[in-house]
């Protein structure tokens, strides 16, 4: 037997469909009542979606939010449509992560089209997290963190951009894309050196860059260590520096 909330949701869907169809006829458009009926239909779909959520019918909730989004798009209510797609994605995430990604992409597309890049960046992070934990596709997680970083950088949100870039570097290293990871760690470290507040974290980024260098080539890593000493003399006092120095000596001895 269907949950009472699910039954209410189904009734709201039927009502929404009726209003939506009724507003598209000749009389609806002639008397100018179409847009009001469409708005009512969208509201009914949203109410139905929330009822489905209460009944834990996540796919049905996602679909109802998408129906509301389509009506809002027809009405040129772009912000509402984008938010409906985001809400749909949140529901789909609990039942169908692939569908969650598809609907979130639609929302992001509308936000970027409107120039709402900070919001788009936030949702790219959400998408990256779905790829991290639900779908487990590190390449796509990395791509979404990169897009988020680009949008944050464009909006002068340097701290948020760097957080996303560090996630890109982390996954690049895990996927064996060491040059890419090194480039990011060096860039973020160089920025940290110039900041009084962030200076202490530069040693961590240089250390991670060094580990990537050592995965490529010992000589390459030795040159990099000298470069980092020159860029950030305080690095030589860090335990991370001492550790990589010892590792380089051990790797060099292993070669001979």
Protein backbone atom coordinates (compact mmCIF):
# COMPACT_ATOMS: atom_id res chain seq x y z
CA UNK A 1 0.00 0.00 0.00
CA UNK A 2 1.31 3.44 -0.97
CA UNK A 3 2.50 5.83 1.70
CA UNK A 4 -0.01 8.65 2.44
CA UNK A 5 2.60 11.23 1.37
CA UNK A 6 3.11 9.36 -1.90
CA UNK A 7 -0.66 9.35 -2.49
CA UNK A 8 -0.83 13.11 -1.88
CA UNK A 9 2.12 13.59 -4.23
CA UNK A 10 0.38 11.62 -7.00
CA UNK A 11 -2.75 13.78 -6.58
CA UNK A 12 -0.63 16.94 -6.84
CA UNK A 13 1.06 15.60 -9.99
CA UNK A 14 -2.35 14.94 -11.60
CA UNK A 15 -3.46 18.47 -10.68
CA UNK A 16 -0.23 19.97 -12.03
CA UNK A 17 -0.59 18.11 -15.34
CA UNK A 18 -4.17 19.32 -15.68
CA UNK A 19 -3.21 22.96 -15.06
CA UNK A 20 -0.20 22.72 -17.35
CA UNK A 21 -2.27 21.31 -20.24
CA UNK A 22 -5.18 23.68 -19.62
CA UNK A 23 -2.94 26.74 -19.87
CA UNK A 24 -1.54 25.81 -23.26
CA UNK A 25 -4.85 25.94 -25.14
CA UNK A 26 -6.16 28.76 -27.36
CA UNK A 27 -8.37 30.32 -24.66
CA UNK A 28 -5.60 30.21 -22.08
CA UNK A 29 -3.26 32.20 -24.30
CA UNK A 30 -6.05 34.46 -25.65
CA UNK A 31 -7.16 35.57 -22.19
CA UNK A 32 -3.60 35.79 -20.87
CA UNK A 33 -4.25 33.28 -18.12
CA UNK A 34 -1.59 30.85 -19.37
CA UNK A 35 1.36 32.13 -17.39
CA UNK A 36 -0.58 32.12 -14.11
CA UNK A 37 -1.70 28.54 -14.64
CA UNK A 38 1.86 27.51 -15.59
CA UNK A 39 3.22 29.07 -12.40
CA UNK A 40 0.57 27.21 -10.39
CA UNK A 41 1.50 23.96 -12.17
CA UNK A 42 5.19 24.46 -11.33
CA UNK A 43 4.31 25.08 -7.67
CA UNK A 44 2.20 21.90 -7.61
CA UNK A 45 5.11 19.88 -9.06
CA UNK A 46 7.42 21.28 -6.35
CA UNK A 47 4.91 20.43 -3.62
CA UNK A 48 4.57 16.93 -5.08
CA UNK A 49 8.37 16.57 -5.15
CA UNK A 50 8.57 17.44 -1.46
CA UNK A 51 5.81 14.92 -0.66
CA UNK A 52 7.75 12.26 -2.58
CA UNK A 53 10.83 13.15 -0.54
CA UNK A 54 8.85 12.63 2.68
CA UNK A 55 7.82 9.22 1.32
CA UNK A 56 11.49 8.52 0.43
CA UNK A 57 10.55 8.12 -3.25
CA UNK A 58 13.70 9.83 -4.46
CA UNK A 59 13.42 9.19 -8.21
CA UNK A 60 9.80 10.37 -8.28
CA UNK A 61 10.84 13.50 -6.34
CA UNK A 62 13.65 14.17 -8.82
CA UNK A 63 11.31 13.76 -11.79
CA UNK A 64 8.73 16.15 -10.26
CA UNK A 65 11.44 18.80 -9.71
CA UNK A 66 12.50 18.35 -13.36
CA UNK A 67 8.87 18.87 -14.48
CA UNK A 68 8.82 22.13 -12.50
CA UNK A 69 12.13 23.14 -14.11
CA UNK A 70 10.77 22.59 -17.62
CA UNK A 71 7.76 24.82 -16.90
CA UNK A 72 10.00 27.54 -15.46
CA UNK A 73 12.22 27.36 -18.56
CA UNK A 74 9.18 27.88 -20.82
CA UNK A 75 8.28 30.90 -18.69
CA UNK A 76 11.88 32.23 -18.96
CA UNK A 77 12.23 31.94 -15.16
CA UNK A 78 15.82 30.78 -15.49
CA UNK A 79 16.94 31.07 -11.88
CA UNK A 80 13.93 29.05 -10.66
CA UNK A 81 14.51 26.41 -13.36
CA UNK A 82 18.18 26.07 -12.41
CA UNK A 83 17.29 25.70 -8.73
CA UNK A 84 14.67 23.06 -9.60
CA UNK A 85 17.35 21.05 -11.43
CA UNK A 86 19.68 21.36 -8.43
CA UNK A 87 16.87 20.12 -6.13
CA UNK A 88 16.16 17.29 -8.58
CA UNK A 89 19.82 16.30 -8.47
CA UNK A 90 19.80 16.21 -4.65
CA UNK A 91 16.89 13.76 -4.76
CA UNK A 92 18.34 11.61 -7.56
CA UNK A 93 21.64 11.37 -5.68
CA UNK A 94 19.93 8.99 -3.22
CA UNK A 95 18.70 6.60 -5.93
CA UNK A 96 20.47 7.26 -9.24
CA UNK A 97 23.83 9.14 -9.10
CA UNK A 98 24.16 9.18 -12.92
CA UNK A 99 20.80 10.96 -13.19
CA UNK A 100 21.89 13.29 -10.37
CA UNK A 101 24.88 14.31 -12.48
CA UNK A 102 22.75 14.83 -15.60
CA UNK A 103 20.22 17.06 -13.86
CA UNK A 104 22.88 19.02 -11.98
CA UNK A 105 24.63 19.65 -15.32
CA UNK A 106 21.43 21.26 -16.61
CA UNK A 107 21.29 23.53 -13.58
CA UNK A 108 24.96 24.48 -13.94
CA UNK A 109 24.47 25.27 -17.63
CA UNK A 110 21.69 27.74 -16.79
CA UNK A 111 23.68 29.38 -13.97
CA UNK A 112 26.76 29.84 -16.21
CA UNK A 113 24.54 31.20 -19.01
CA UNK A 114 23.26 33.78 -16.48
CA UNK A 115 26.83 34.65 -15.42
CA UNK A 116 26.33 33.17 -11.94
CA UNK A 117 29.81 31.63 -11.88
CA UNK A 118 30.25 31.39 -8.10
CA UNK A 119 27.03 29.35 -7.81
CA UNK A 120 28.10 27.23 -10.81
CA UNK A 121 31.47 26.59 -9.13
CA UNK A 122 29.74 25.43 -5.93
CA UNK A 123 27.63 22.96 -7.91
CA UNK A 124 30.68 21.69 -9.84
CA UNK A 125 32.13 20.79 -6.42
CA UNK A 126 28.92 18.89 -5.60
CA UNK A 127 29.24 17.06 -8.91
CA UNK A 128 32.89 16.27 -8.19
CA UNK A 129 31.85 14.81 -4.82
CA UNK A 130 29.25 12.57 -6.54
CA UNK A 131 32.01 11.30 -8.84
CA UNK A 132 34.29 10.80 -5.82
CA UNK A 133 31.95 8.81 -3.60
CA UNK A 134 28.90 7.57 -5.52
CA UNK A 135 30.10 6.87 -9.07
CA UNK A 136 33.86 6.64 -8.33
CA UNK A 137 35.30 8.23 -11.46
CA UNK A 138 38.37 10.18 -10.32
CA UNK A 139 39.06 11.62 -13.78
CA UNK A 140 35.61 13.23 -13.88
CA UNK A 141 35.89 14.33 -10.25
CA UNK A 142 39.16 16.04 -11.17
CA UNK A 143 37.58 17.73 -14.23
CA UNK A 144 34.77 19.18 -12.11
CA UNK A 145 37.17 20.47 -9.44
CA UNK A 146 39.15 22.11 -12.28
CA UNK A 147 36.02 23.84 -13.63
CA UNK A 148 35.12 25.02 -10.13
CA UNK A 149 38.67 26.36 -9.68
CA UNK A 150 38.49 28.22 -13.02
CA UNK A 151 35.15 29.85 -12.12
CA UNK A 152 36.33 30.84 -8.64
CA UNK A 153 39.55 32.29 -10.10
CA UNK A 154 37.50 34.29 -12.61
CA UNK A 155 35.46 35.73 -9.73
CA UNK A 156 38.63 36.57 -7.76
CA UNK A 157 37.86 33.96 -5.06
CA UNK A 158 41.50 32.90 -4.79
CA UNK A 159 41.18 30.85 -1.60
CA UNK A 160 38.25 28.81 -2.97
CA UNK A 161 40.06 28.36 -6.30
CA UNK A 162 43.15 27.03 -4.51
CA UNK A 163 41.12 24.52 -2.48
CA UNK A 164 39.72 23.13 -5.71
CA UNK A 165 43.14 23.15 -7.41
CA UNK A 166 44.62 21.12 -4.57
CA UNK A 167 41.91 18.49 -5.13
CA UNK A 168 42.85 18.47 -8.83
CA UNK A 169 46.51 17.95 -7.87
CA UNK A 170 45.58 15.15 -5.45
CA UNK A 171 43.68 13.21 -8.10
CA UNK A 172 46.22 13.99 -10.83
CA UNK A 173 48.89 12.38 -8.61
CA UNK A 174 46.65 9.38 -7.90
CA UNK A 175 46.05 8.93 -11.63
CA UNK A 176 49.78 9.14 -12.39
CA UNK A 177 49.56 12.60 -13.97
CA UNK A 178 52.57 13.78 -11.96
CA UNK A 179 53.57 16.76 -14.14
CA UNK A 180 50.08 18.21 -13.79
CA UNK A 181 50.13 17.71 -10.00
CA UNK A 182 53.59 19.30 -9.70
CA UNK A 183 52.53 22.35 -11.71
CA UNK A 184 49.55 22.93 -9.38
CA UNK A 185 51.47 22.33 -6.13
CA UNK A 186 54.20 24.74 -7.26
CA UNK A 187 51.67 27.39 -8.28
CA UNK A 188 49.75 27.19 -4.98
CA UNK A 189 53.01 27.11 -2.97
CA UNK A 190 54.33 30.21 -4.77
CA UNK A 191 51.09 32.05 -3.93
CA UNK A 192 51.29 30.90 -0.30
CA UNK A 193 54.86 32.25 0.11
CA UNK A 194 53.60 35.76 -0.74
CA UNK A 195 50.86 35.56 1.91
CA UNK A 196 51.63 36.15 5.58
CA UNK A 197 48.72 33.97 6.63
CA UNK A 198 49.40 31.12 4.18
CA UNK A 199 53.21 31.03 4.27
CA UNK A 200 53.31 28.10 6.73
CA UNK A 201 51.43 25.85 4.28
CA UNK A 202 53.95 26.31 1.42
CA UNK A 203 56.20 23.57 2.89
CA UNK A 204 53.32 21.05 2.61
CA UNK A 205 52.76 21.88 -1.08
CA UNK A 206 56.49 21.71 -1.88
CA UNK A 207 56.66 18.38 -0.07
CA UNK A 208 53.80 16.96 -2.16
CA UNK A 209 55.39 18.32 -5.34
CA UNK A 210 58.65 16.60 -4.32
CA UNK A 211 56.90 13.24 -3.88
CA UNK A 212 55.53 13.62 -7.43
CA UNK A 213 58.99 14.54 -8.75
CA UNK A 214 60.43 11.41 -7.13
CA UNK A 215 57.86 9.29 -8.95
CA UNK A 216 59.23 10.62 -12.25
CA UNK A 217 63.01 10.81 -11.83
CA UNK A 218 65.63 11.19 -9.03
CA UNK A 219 67.73 13.80 -10.86
CA UNK A 220 64.59 15.77 -11.66
CA UNK A 221 63.66 15.67 -7.96
CA UNK A 222 67.13 16.86 -6.86
CA UNK A 223 66.90 19.90 -9.17
CA UNK A 224 63.39 20.64 -7.89
CA UNK A 225 64.55 20.53 -4.26
CA UNK A 226 67.26 23.13 -5.01
CA UNK A 227 64.67 25.32 -6.73
CA UNK A 228 62.32 25.11 -3.74
CA UNK A 229 65.18 25.99 -1.34
CA UNK A 230 65.79 29.17 -3.33
CA UNK A 231 62.09 30.02 -3.54
CA UNK A 232 61.43 29.39 0.15
CA UNK A 233 64.59 29.20 2.33
CA UNK A 234 62.48 28.37 5.43
CA UNK A 235 61.63 25.06 3.74
CA UNK A 236 65.08 23.75 4.73
CA UNK A 237 64.11 23.88 8.43
CA UNK A 238 60.95 21.83 7.91
CA UNK A 239 60.76 18.13 8.76
CA UNK A 240 59.21 17.57 5.33
CA UNK A 241 62.43 18.86 3.76
CA UNK A 242 64.56 16.56 5.91
CA UNK A 243 62.39 13.57 5.00
CA UNK A 244 62.58 14.13 1.23
CA UNK A 245 66.33 14.78 1.49
CA UNK A 246 66.80 11.38 3.16
CA UNK A 247 64.55 9.70 0.60
CA UNK A 248 66.56 11.24 -2.25
CA UNK A 249 69.84 9.97 -0.72
CA UNK A 250 68.33 6.48 -0.38
CA UNK A 251 67.04 6.55 -3.99
CA UNK A 252 70.44 7.72 -5.25
CA UNK A 253 72.21 4.91 -3.36
CA UNK A 254 69.77 2.38 -4.78
CA UNK A 255 70.75 3.41 -8.31
CA UNK A 256 74.43 2.60 -7.73
